[in-house]
């Protein structure tokens, strides 16, 4: 008799236009709030409010935070290196889009 493996996926449903709170962003990216604060300090992500505890973030911020987390974990980059790498990766993507249009 064959055994069957079942994978259980969990996630959050987030509307495109709804801003995220700090807690929602942390939960969505599986990071601590200190990591988000450091990304804000490095200019990797930004928010509208002066106090980060009251901040709201774009849903697109999730992608940047996850990318930053991967760069830090996989390549061992410090946050300044992460900020530079993300900036360069986004510039490459912009150049590719411009070349294809």
PDB file of N, CA and C in Angstrom:
ATOM      1  N   UNK A   1       0.836  -1.168   0.000  1.00  0.00           N
ATOM      2  CA  UNK A   1       0.000   0.000   0.000  1.00  0.00           C
ATOM      3  C   UNK A   1       0.890   1.243   0.000  1.00  0.00           C
ATOM      4  N   UNK A   2       0.592   2.173  -0.890  1.00  0.00           N
ATOM      5  CA  UNK A   2       1.372   3.406  -0.988  1.00  0.00           C
ATOM      6  C   UNK A   2       0.925   4.398   0.068  1.00  0.00           C
ATOM      7  N   UNK A   3       1.890   5.090   0.621  1.00  0.00           N
ATOM      8  CA  UNK A   3       1.532   6.156   1.559  1.00  0.00           C
ATOM      9  C   UNK A   3       1.447   7.464   0.791  1.00  0.00           C
ATOM     10  N   UNK A   4       0.531   8.294   1.160  1.00  0.00           N
ATOM     11  CA  UNK A   4       0.346   9.576   0.495  1.00  0.00           C
ATOM     12  C   UNK A   4       0.803  10.693   1.419  1.00  0.00           C
ATOM     13  N   UNK A   5       1.569  11.604   0.850  1.00  0.00           N
ATOM     14  CA  UNK A   5       2.007  12.772   1.599  1.00  0.00           C
ATOM     15  C   UNK A   5       1.076  13.925   1.246  1.00  0.00           C
ATOM     16  N   UNK A   6       0.650  14.614   2.240  1.00  0.00           N
ATOM     17  CA  UNK A   6      -0.217  15.757   2.024  1.00  0.00           C
ATOM     18  C   UNK A   6       0.483  16.998   2.525  1.00  0.00           C
ATOM     19  N   UNK A   7       0.526  17.999   1.679  1.00  0.00           N
ATOM     20  CA  UNK A   7       1.140  19.263   2.057  1.00  0.00           C
ATOM     21  C   UNK A   7       0.033  20.244   2.414  1.00  0.00           C
ATOM     22  N   UNK A   8       0.175  20.870   3.555  1.00  0.00           N
ATOM     23  CA  UNK A   8      -0.804  21.852   3.994  1.00  0.00           C
ATOM     24  C   UNK A   8      -0.200  23.232   3.834  1.00  0.00           C
ATOM     25  N   UNK A   9      -0.885  24.058   3.083  1.00  0.00           N
ATOM     26  CA  UNK A   9      -0.434  25.426   2.864  1.00  0.00           C
ATOM     27  C   UNK A   9      -1.263  26.370   3.711  1.00  0.00           C
ATOM     28  N   UNK A  10      -0.608  27.329   4.299  1.00  0.00           N
ATOM     29  CA  UNK A  10      -1.310  28.355   5.051  1.00  0.00           C
ATOM     30  C   UNK A  10      -0.906  29.708   4.508  1.00  0.00           C
ATOM     31  N   UNK A  11      -1.747  30.685   4.683  1.00  0.00           N
ATOM     32  CA  UNK A  11      -1.411  32.019   4.209  1.00  0.00           C
ATOM     33  C   UNK A  11      -2.449  33.028   4.640  1.00  0.00           C
ATOM     34  N   UNK A  12      -2.211  34.249   4.232  1.00  0.00           N
ATOM     35  CA  UNK A  12      -3.109  35.347   4.531  1.00  0.00           C
ATOM     36  C   UNK A  12      -3.662  35.888   3.220  1.00  0.00           C
ATOM     37  N   UNK A  13      -4.929  36.211   3.201  1.00  0.00           N
ATOM     38  CA  UNK A  13      -5.514  36.858   2.036  1.00  0.00           C
ATOM     39  C   UNK A  13      -5.437  38.356   2.277  1.00  0.00           C
ATOM     40  N   UNK A  14      -4.772  39.040   1.353  1.00  0.00           N
ATOM     41  CA  UNK A  14      -4.557  40.474   1.504  1.00  0.00           C
ATOM     42  C   UNK A  14      -5.068  41.161   0.244  1.00  0.00           C
ATOM     43  N   UNK A  15      -5.897  42.155   0.421  1.00  0.00           N
ATOM     44  CA  UNK A  15      -6.393  42.904  -0.717  1.00  0.00           C
ATOM     45  C   UNK A  15      -5.295  43.794  -1.264  1.00  0.00           C
ATOM     46  N   UNK A  16      -5.313  44.002  -2.585  1.00  0.00           N
ATOM     47  CA  UNK A  16      -4.288  44.805  -3.251  1.00  0.00           C
ATOM     48  C   UNK A  16      -4.183  46.218  -2.703  1.00  0.00           C
ATOM     49  N   UNK A  17      -5.283  46.840  -2.416  1.00  0.00           N
ATOM     50  CA  UNK A  17      -5.288  48.254  -2.074  1.00  0.00           C
ATOM     51  C   UNK A  17      -5.224  48.520  -0.568  1.00  0.00           C
ATOM     52  N   UNK A  18      -5.422  47.510   0.235  1.00  0.00           N
ATOM     53  CA  UNK A  18      -5.442  47.701   1.676  1.00  0.00           C
ATOM     54  C   UNK A  18      -4.039  47.885   2.217  1.00  0.00           C
ATOM     55  N   UNK A  19      -3.796  48.969   2.941  1.00  0.00           N
ATOM     56  CA  UNK A  19      -2.476  49.113   3.556  1.00  0.00           C
ATOM     57  C   UNK A  19      -2.322  48.107   4.703  1.00  0.00           C
ATOM     58  N   UNK A  20      -1.094  47.723   4.949  1.00  0.00           N
ATOM     59  CA  UNK A  20      -0.792  46.767   6.006  1.00  0.00           C
ATOM     60  C   UNK A  20      -0.266  47.488   7.236  1.00  0.00           C
ATOM     61  N   UNK A  21      -0.636  46.998   8.393  1.00  0.00           N
ATOM     62  CA  UNK A  21      -0.035  47.493   9.624  1.00  0.00           C
ATOM     63  C   UNK A  21       1.333  46.843   9.788  1.00  0.00           C
ATOM     64  N   UNK A  22       2.101  47.339  10.717  1.00  0.00           N
ATOM     65  CA  UNK A  22       3.409  46.745  11.004  1.00  0.00           C
ATOM     66  C   UNK A  22       3.255  45.280  11.368  1.00  0.00           C
ATOM     67  N   UNK A  23       2.309  44.962  12.216  1.00  0.00           N
ATOM     68  CA  UNK A  23       2.085  43.578  12.653  1.00  0.00           C
ATOM     69  C   UNK A  23       1.707  42.696  11.474  1.00  0.00           C
ATOM     70  N   UNK A  24       0.816  43.169  10.596  1.00  0.00           N
ATOM     71  CA  UNK A  24       0.409  42.380   9.428  1.00  0.00           C
ATOM     72  C   UNK A  24       1.591  42.132   8.491  1.00  0.00           C
ATOM     73  N   UNK A  25       2.421  43.144   8.315  1.00  0.00           N
ATOM     74  CA  UNK A  25       3.604  42.989   7.470  1.00  0.00           C
ATOM     75  C   UNK A  25       4.557  41.958   8.070  1.00  0.00           C
ATOM     76  N   UNK A  26       4.776  42.054   9.365  1.00  0.00           N
ATOM     77  CA  UNK A  26       5.647  41.084  10.051  1.00  0.00           C
ATOM     78  C   UNK A  26       5.093  39.667   9.917  1.00  0.00           C
ATOM     79  N   UNK A  27       3.810  39.505  10.133  1.00  0.00           N
ATOM     80  CA  UNK A  27       3.184  38.184  10.032  1.00  0.00           C
ATOM     81  C   UNK A  27       3.256  37.639   8.614  1.00  0.00           C
ATOM     82  N   UNK A  28       3.007  38.495   7.631  1.00  0.00           N
ATOM     83  CA  UNK A  28       3.016  38.065   6.228  1.00  0.00           C
ATOM     84  C   UNK A  28       4.395  37.627   5.768  1.00  0.00           C
ATOM     85  N   UNK A  29       5.426  38.238   6.336  1.00  0.00           N
ATOM     86  CA  UNK A  29       6.804  37.954   5.905  1.00  0.00           C
ATOM     87  C   UNK A  29       7.566  37.075   6.884  1.00  0.00           C
ATOM     88  N   UNK A  30       6.939  36.722   7.985  1.00  0.00           N
ATOM     89  CA  UNK A  30       7.570  35.895   9.022  1.00  0.00           C
ATOM     90  C   UNK A  30       8.873  36.527   9.523  1.00  0.00           C
ATOM     91  N   UNK A  31       8.794  37.820   9.854  1.00  0.00           N
ATOM     92  CA  UNK A  31       9.951  38.543  10.395  1.00  0.00           C
ATOM     93  C   UNK A  31       9.525  39.290  11.657  1.00  0.00           C
ATOM     94  N   UNK A  32      10.511  39.717  12.420  1.00  0.00           N
ATOM     95  CA  UNK A  32      10.243  40.517  13.617  1.00  0.00           C
ATOM     96  C   UNK A  32      10.165  41.989  13.231  1.00  0.00           C
ATOM     97  N   UNK A  33       9.509  42.760  14.065  1.00  0.00           N
ATOM     98  CA  UNK A  33       9.350  44.187  13.776  1.00  0.00           C
ATOM     99  C   UNK A  33      10.699  44.908  13.722  1.00  0.00           C
ATOM    100  N   UNK A  34      11.682  44.417  14.458  1.00  0.00           N
ATOM    101  CA  UNK A  34      13.011  45.027  14.438  1.00  0.00           C
ATOM    102  C   UNK A  34      13.631  44.959  13.035  1.00  0.00           C
ATOM    103  N   UNK A  35      13.360  43.865  12.328  1.00  0.00           N
ATOM    104  CA  UNK A  35      13.867  43.712  10.962  1.00  0.00           C
ATOM    105  C   UNK A  35      13.230  44.761  10.048  1.00  0.00           C
ATOM    106  N   UNK A  36      11.943  44.990  10.221  1.00  0.00           N
ATOM    107  CA  UNK A  36      11.242  46.001   9.420  1.00  0.00           C
ATOM    108  C   UNK A  36      11.807  47.384   9.723  1.00  0.00           C
ATOM    109  N   UNK A  37      12.026  47.675  11.001  1.00  0.00           N
ATOM    110  CA  UNK A  37      12.593  48.973  11.389  1.00  0.00           C
ATOM    111  C   UNK A  37      13.963  49.172  10.738  1.00  0.00           C
ATOM    112  N   UNK A  38      14.778  48.135  10.747  1.00  0.00           N
ATOM    113  CA  UNK A  38      16.099  48.226  10.130  1.00  0.00           C
ATOM    114  C   UNK A  38      15.994  48.440   8.623  1.00  0.00           C
ATOM    115  N   UNK A  39      15.026  47.791   7.970  1.00  0.00           N
ATOM    116  CA  UNK A  39      14.829  47.998   6.528  1.00  0.00           C
ATOM    117  C   UNK A  39      14.384  49.427   6.232  1.00  0.00           C
ATOM    118  N   UNK A  40      13.547  49.980   7.099  1.00  0.00           N
ATOM    119  CA  UNK A  40      13.131  51.376   6.945  1.00  0.00           C
ATOM    120  C   UNK A  40      14.348  52.289   7.109  1.00  0.00           C
ATOM    121  N   UNK A  41      15.152  52.034   8.126  1.00  0.00           N
ATOM    122  CA  UNK A  41      16.352  52.844   8.377  1.00  0.00           C
ATOM    123  C   UNK A  41      17.324  52.815   7.202  1.00  0.00           C
ATOM    124  N   UNK A  42      17.409  51.672   6.518  1.00  0.00           N
ATOM    125  CA  UNK A  42      18.317  51.522   5.377  1.00  0.00           C
ATOM    126  C   UNK A  42      17.700  52.038   4.066  1.00  0.00           C
ATOM    127  N   UNK A  43      16.421  52.415   4.121  1.00  0.00           N
ATOM    128  CA  UNK A  43      15.764  52.920   2.922  1.00  0.00           C
ATOM    129  C   UNK A  43      15.258  51.841   1.981  1.00  0.00           C
ATOM    130  N   UNK A  44      15.224  50.597   2.441  1.00  0.00           N
ATOM    131  CA  UNK A  44      14.738  49.496   1.617  1.00  0.00           C
ATOM    132  C   UNK A  44      13.228  49.596   1.456  1.00  0.00           C
ATOM    133  N   UNK A  45      12.548  49.944   2.533  1.00  0.00           N
ATOM    134  CA  UNK A  45      11.094  50.158   2.483  1.00  0.00           C
ATOM    135  C   UNK A  45      10.791  51.488   3.164  1.00  0.00           C
ATOM    136  N   UNK A  46       9.620  52.021   2.859  1.00  0.00           N
ATOM    137  CA  UNK A  46       9.229  53.265   3.512  1.00  0.00           C
ATOM    138  C   UNK A  46       7.764  53.203   3.913  1.00  0.00           C
ATOM    139  N   UNK A  47       7.384  54.162   4.714  1.00  0.00           N
ATOM    140  CA  UNK A  47       6.017  54.245   5.206  1.00  0.00           C
ATOM    141  C   UNK A  47       5.638  55.714   5.299  1.00  0.00           C
ATOM    142  N   UNK A  48       4.376  55.975   5.482  1.00  0.00           N
ATOM    143  CA  UNK A  48       3.870  57.345   5.458  1.00  0.00           C
ATOM    144  C   UNK A  48       3.926  58.050   6.816  1.00  0.00           C
ATOM    145  N   UNK A  49       3.697  57.336   7.877  1.00  0.00           N
ATOM    146  CA  UNK A  49       3.599  57.945   9.194  1.00  0.00           C
ATOM    147  C   UNK A  49       4.973  58.178   9.804  1.00  0.00           C
ATOM    148  N   UNK A  50       5.035  59.118  10.738  1.00  0.00           N
ATOM    149  CA  UNK A  50       6.301  59.417  11.400  1.00  0.00           C
ATOM    150  C   UNK A  50       6.705  58.312  12.373  1.00  0.00           C
ATOM    151  N   UNK A  51       5.735  57.785  13.099  1.00  0.00           N
ATOM    152  CA  UNK A  51       5.983  56.725  14.076  1.00  0.00           C
ATOM    153  C   UNK A  51       5.755  55.376  13.412  1.00  0.00           C
ATOM    154  N   UNK A  52       6.763  54.534  13.404  1.00  0.00           N
ATOM    155  CA  UNK A  52       6.640  53.247  12.706  1.00  0.00           C
ATOM    156  C   UNK A  52       5.591  52.341  13.337  1.00  0.00           C
ATOM    157  N   UNK A  53       5.339  52.486  14.616  1.00  0.00           N
ATOM    158  CA  UNK A  53       4.310  51.665  15.263  1.00  0.00           C
ATOM    159  C   UNK A  53       2.928  51.951  14.681  1.00  0.00           C
ATOM    160  N   UNK A  54       2.730  53.161  14.162  1.00  0.00           N
ATOM    161  CA  UNK A  54       1.453  53.535  13.560  1.00  0.00           C
ATOM    162  C   UNK A  54       1.495  53.458  12.035  1.00  0.00           C
ATOM    163  N   UNK A  55       2.573  52.968  11.503  1.00  0.00           N
ATOM    164  CA  UNK A  55       2.798  52.999  10.057  1.00  0.00           C
ATOM    165  C   UNK A  55       1.883  52.048   9.312  1.00  0.00           C
ATOM    166  N   UNK A  56       1.622  52.415   8.077  1.00  0.00           N
ATOM    167  CA  UNK A  56       0.937  51.509   7.164  1.00  0.00           C
ATOM    168  C   UNK A  56       1.845  51.305   5.959  1.00  0.00           C
ATOM    169  N   UNK A  57       1.818  50.102   5.423  1.00  0.00           N
ATOM    170  CA  UNK A  57       2.711  49.720   4.346  1.00  0.00           C
ATOM    171  C   UNK A  57       1.913  49.221   3.161  1.00  0.00           C
ATOM    172  N   UNK A  58       2.428  49.453   1.987  1.00  0.00           N
ATOM    173  CA  UNK A  58       1.824  48.957   0.753  1.00  0.00           C
ATOM    174  C   UNK A  58       1.944  47.442   0.714  1.00  0.00           C
ATOM    175  N   UNK A  59       1.002  46.797   0.053  1.00  0.00           N
ATOM    176  CA  UNK A  59       1.063  45.345  -0.122  1.00  0.00           C
ATOM    177  C   UNK A  59       2.321  44.965  -0.898  1.00  0.00           C
ATOM    178  N   UNK A  60       2.778  45.837  -1.788  1.00  0.00           N
ATOM    179  CA  UNK A  60       3.996  45.576  -2.556  1.00  0.00           C
ATOM    180  C   UNK A  60       5.230  45.485  -1.658  1.00  0.00           C
ATOM    181  N   UNK A  61       5.130  46.045  -0.466  1.00  0.00           N
ATOM    182  CA  UNK A  61       6.241  45.995   0.486  1.00  0.00           C
ATOM    183  C   UNK A  61       6.559  44.562   0.879  1.00  0.00           C
ATOM    184  N   UNK A  62       5.568  43.696   0.858  1.00  0.00           N
ATOM    185  CA  UNK A  62       5.779  42.288   1.210  1.00  0.00           C
ATOM    186  C   UNK A  62       6.871  41.688   0.332  1.00  0.00           C
ATOM    187  N   UNK A  63       6.827  41.964  -0.965  1.00  0.00           N
ATOM    188  CA  UNK A  63       7.826  41.421  -1.885  1.00  0.00           C
ATOM    189  C   UNK A  63       9.224  41.912  -1.527  1.00  0.00           C
ATOM    190  N   UNK A  64       9.350  43.193  -1.218  1.00  0.00           N
ATOM    191  CA  UNK A  64      10.668  43.753  -0.882  1.00  0.00           C
ATOM    192  C   UNK A  64      11.206  43.158   0.416  1.00  0.00           C
ATOM    193  N   UNK A  65      10.343  43.008   1.408  1.00  0.00           N
ATOM    194  CA  UNK A  65      10.781  42.449   2.692  1.00  0.00           C
ATOM    195  C   UNK A  65      11.218  41.001   2.512  1.00  0.00           C
ATOM    196  N   UNK A  66      10.441  40.224   1.766  1.00  0.00           N
ATOM    197  CA  UNK A  66      10.814  38.826   1.533  1.00  0.00           C
ATOM    198  C   UNK A  66      12.112  38.726   0.737  1.00  0.00           C
ATOM    199  N   UNK A  67      12.292  39.612  -0.229  1.00  0.00           N
ATOM    200  CA  UNK A  67      13.532  39.630  -1.012  1.00  0.00           C
ATOM    201  C   UNK A  67      14.713  39.981  -0.102  1.00  0.00           C
ATOM    202  N   UNK A  68      14.518  40.964   0.766  1.00  0.00           N
ATOM    203  CA  UNK A  68      15.572  41.364   1.699  1.00  0.00           C
ATOM    204  C   UNK A  68      15.934  40.218   2.636  1.00  0.00           C
ATOM    205  N   UNK A  69      14.930  39.542   3.119  1.00  0.00           N
ATOM    206  CA  UNK A  69      15.155  38.413   4.024  1.00  0.00           C
ATOM    207  C   UNK A  69      15.942  37.306   3.319  1.00  0.00           C
ATOM    208  N   UNK A  70      15.578  37.008   2.061  1.00  0.00           N
ATOM    209  CA  UNK A  70      16.299  35.979   1.299  1.00  0.00           C
ATOM    210  C   UNK A  70      17.752  36.381   1.055  1.00  0.00           C
ATOM    211  N   UNK A  71      17.965  37.639   0.674  1.00  0.00           N
ATOM    212  CA  UNK A  71      19.330  38.106   0.420  1.00  0.00           C
ATOM    213  C   UNK A  71      20.183  38.008   1.676  1.00  0.00           C
ATOM    214  N   UNK A  72      19.601  38.375   2.798  1.00  0.00           N
ATOM    215  CA  UNK A  72      20.346  38.328   4.049  1.00  0.00           C
ATOM    216  C   UNK A  72      20.650  36.887   4.452  1.00  0.00           C
ATOM    217  N   UNK A  73      19.658  36.024   4.354  1.00  0.00           N
ATOM    218  CA  UNK A  73      19.847  34.627   4.772  1.00  0.00           C
ATOM    219  C   UNK A  73      20.712  33.845   3.792  1.00  0.00           C
ATOM    220  N   UNK A  74      20.415  33.951   2.486  1.00  0.00           N
ATOM    221  CA  UNK A  74      21.099  33.136   1.486  1.00  0.00           C
ATOM    222  C   UNK A  74      22.519  33.608   1.199  1.00  0.00           C
ATOM    223  N   UNK A  75      22.716  34.925   1.165  1.00  0.00           N
ATOM    224  CA  UNK A  75      24.027  35.455   0.803  1.00  0.00           C
ATOM    225  C   UNK A  75      24.808  36.015   1.984  1.00  0.00           C
ATOM    226  N   UNK A  76      24.160  36.093   3.137  1.00  0.00           N
ATOM    227  CA  UNK A  76      24.841  36.597   4.320  1.00  0.00           C
ATOM    228  C   UNK A  76      25.142  38.085   4.259  1.00  0.00           C
ATOM    229  N   UNK A  77      24.341  38.830   3.498  1.00  0.00           N
ATOM    230  CA  UNK A  77      24.565  40.267   3.369  1.00  0.00           C
ATOM    231  C   UNK A  77      24.103  41.009   4.614  1.00  0.00           C
ATOM    232  N   UNK A  78      24.812  42.076   4.949  1.00  0.00           N
ATOM    233  CA  UNK A  78      24.294  42.953   5.999  1.00  0.00           C
ATOM    234  C   UNK A  78      23.203  43.825   5.379  1.00  0.00           C
ATOM    235  N   UNK A  79      22.518  44.606   6.178  1.00  0.00           N
ATOM    236  CA  UNK A  79      21.374  45.353   5.651  1.00  0.00           C
ATOM    237  C   UNK A  79      21.768  46.433   4.651  1.00  0.00           C
ATOM    238  N   UNK A  80      22.956  47.007   4.797  1.00  0.00           N
ATOM    239  CA  UNK A  80      23.419  47.970   3.792  1.00  0.00           C
ATOM    240  C   UNK A  80      23.637  47.248   2.461  1.00  0.00           C
ATOM    241  N   UNK A  81      24.178  46.052   2.509  1.00  0.00           N
ATOM    242  CA  UNK A  81      24.362  45.242   1.308  1.00  0.00           C
ATOM    243  C   UNK A  81      23.046  44.817   0.695  1.00  0.00           C
ATOM    244  N   UNK A  82      22.086  44.491   1.548  1.00  0.00           N
ATOM    245  CA  UNK A  82      20.744  44.131   1.085  1.00  0.00           C
ATOM    246  C   UNK A  82      20.122  45.312   0.346  1.00  0.00           C
ATOM    247  N   UNK A  83      20.221  46.506   0.934  1.00  0.00           N
ATOM    248  CA  UNK A  83      19.654  47.706   0.305  1.00  0.00           C
ATOM    249  C   UNK A  83      20.275  47.947  -1.065  1.00  0.00           C
ATOM    250  N   UNK A  84      21.579  47.827  -1.160  1.00  0.00           N
ATOM    251  CA  UNK A  84      22.271  48.020  -2.442  1.00  0.00           C
ATOM    252  C   UNK A  84      21.869  46.950  -3.441  1.00  0.00           C
ATOM    253  N   UNK A  85      21.822  45.694  -3.014  1.00  0.00           N
ATOM    254  CA  UNK A  85      21.458  44.593  -3.912  1.00  0.00           C
ATOM    255  C   UNK A  85      20.046  44.776  -4.460  1.00  0.00           C
ATOM    256  N   UNK A  86      19.112  45.165  -3.609  1.00  0.00           N
ATOM    257  CA  UNK A  86      17.736  45.368  -4.068  1.00  0.00           C
ATOM    258  C   UNK A  86      17.668  46.520  -5.063  1.00  0.00           C
ATOM    259  N   UNK A  87      18.377  47.591  -4.777  1.00  0.00           N
ATOM    260  CA  UNK A  87      18.413  48.732  -5.695  1.00  0.00           C
ATOM    261  C   UNK A  87      18.957  48.312  -7.061  1.00  0.00           C
ATOM    262  N   UNK A  88      20.030  47.549  -7.072  1.00  0.00           N
ATOM    263  CA  UNK A  88      20.621  47.094  -8.326  1.00  0.00           C
ATOM    264  C   UNK A  88      19.725  46.102  -9.063  1.00  0.00           C
ATOM    265  N   UNK A  89      19.104  45.192  -8.342  1.00  0.00           N
ATOM    266  CA  UNK A  89      18.184  44.243  -8.970  1.00  0.00           C
ATOM    267  C   UNK A  89      17.001  44.962  -9.612  1.00  0.00           C
ATOM    268  N   UNK A  90      16.475  45.973  -8.938  1.00  0.00           N
ATOM    269  CA  UNK A  90      15.354  46.726  -9.490  1.00  0.00           C
ATOM    270  C   UNK A  90      15.780  47.546 -10.706  1.00  0.00           C
ATOM    271  N   UNK A  91      17.001  48.067 -10.694  1.00  0.00           N
ATOM    272  CA  UNK A  91      17.514  48.802 -11.848  1.00  0.00           C
ATOM    273  C   UNK A  91      17.668  47.871 -13.052  1.00  0.00           C
ATOM    274  N   UNK A  92      18.163  46.676 -12.820  1.00  0.00           N
ATOM    275  CA  UNK A  92      18.288  45.690 -13.898  1.00  0.00           C
ATOM    276  C   UNK A  92      16.908  45.384 -14.483  1.00  0.00           C
ATOM    277  N   UNK A  93      15.920  45.201 -13.614  1.00  0.00           N
ATOM    278  CA  UNK A  93      14.553  44.913 -14.078  1.00  0.00           C
ATOM    279  C   UNK A  93      14.001  46.076 -14.902  1.00  0.00           C
ATOM    280  N   UNK A  94      14.236  47.323 -14.468  1.00  0.00           N
ATOM    281  CA  UNK A  94      13.786  48.497 -15.227  1.00  0.00           C
ATOM    282  C   UNK A  94      14.447  48.541 -16.603  1.00  0.00           C
ATOM    283  N   UNK A  95      15.744  48.263 -16.646  1.00  0.00           N
ATOM    284  CA  UNK A  95      16.460  48.264 -17.919  1.00  0.00           C
ATOM    285  C   UNK A  95      15.938  47.175 -18.857  1.00  0.00           C
ATOM    286  N   UNK A  96      15.650  46.018 -18.314  1.00  0.00           N
ATOM    287  CA  UNK A  96      15.089  44.915 -19.136  1.00  0.00           C
ATOM    288  C   UNK A  96      13.732  45.303 -19.704  1.00  0.00           C
ATOM    289  N   UNK A  97      12.898  45.925 -18.876  1.00  0.00           N
ATOM    290  CA  UNK A  97      11.579  46.355 -19.366  1.00  0.00           C
ATOM    291  C   UNK A  97      11.719  47.399 -20.470  1.00  0.00           C
ATOM    292  N   UNK A  98      12.651  48.331 -20.293  1.00  0.00           N
ATOM    293  CA  UNK A  98      12.867  49.368 -21.302  1.00  0.00           C
ATOM    294  C   UNK A  98      13.385  48.782 -22.607  1.00  0.00           C
ATOM    295  N   UNK A  99      14.224  47.772 -22.538  1.00  0.00           N
ATOM    296  CA  UNK A  99      14.762  47.145 -23.742  1.00  0.00           C
ATOM    297  C   UNK A  99      13.693  46.373 -24.506  1.00  0.00           C
ATOM    298  N   UNK A 100      12.748  45.795 -23.788  1.00  0.00           N
ATOM    299  CA  UNK A 100      11.713  44.987 -24.445  1.00  0.00           C
ATOM    300  C   UNK A 100      10.556  45.830 -24.973  1.00  0.00           C
ATOM    301  N   UNK A 101      10.484  47.104 -24.605  1.00  0.00           N
ATOM    302  CA  UNK A 101       9.368  47.912 -25.116  1.00  0.00           C
ATOM    303  C   UNK A 101       9.754  48.762 -26.301  1.00  0.00           C
TER     304      UNK A 101
END
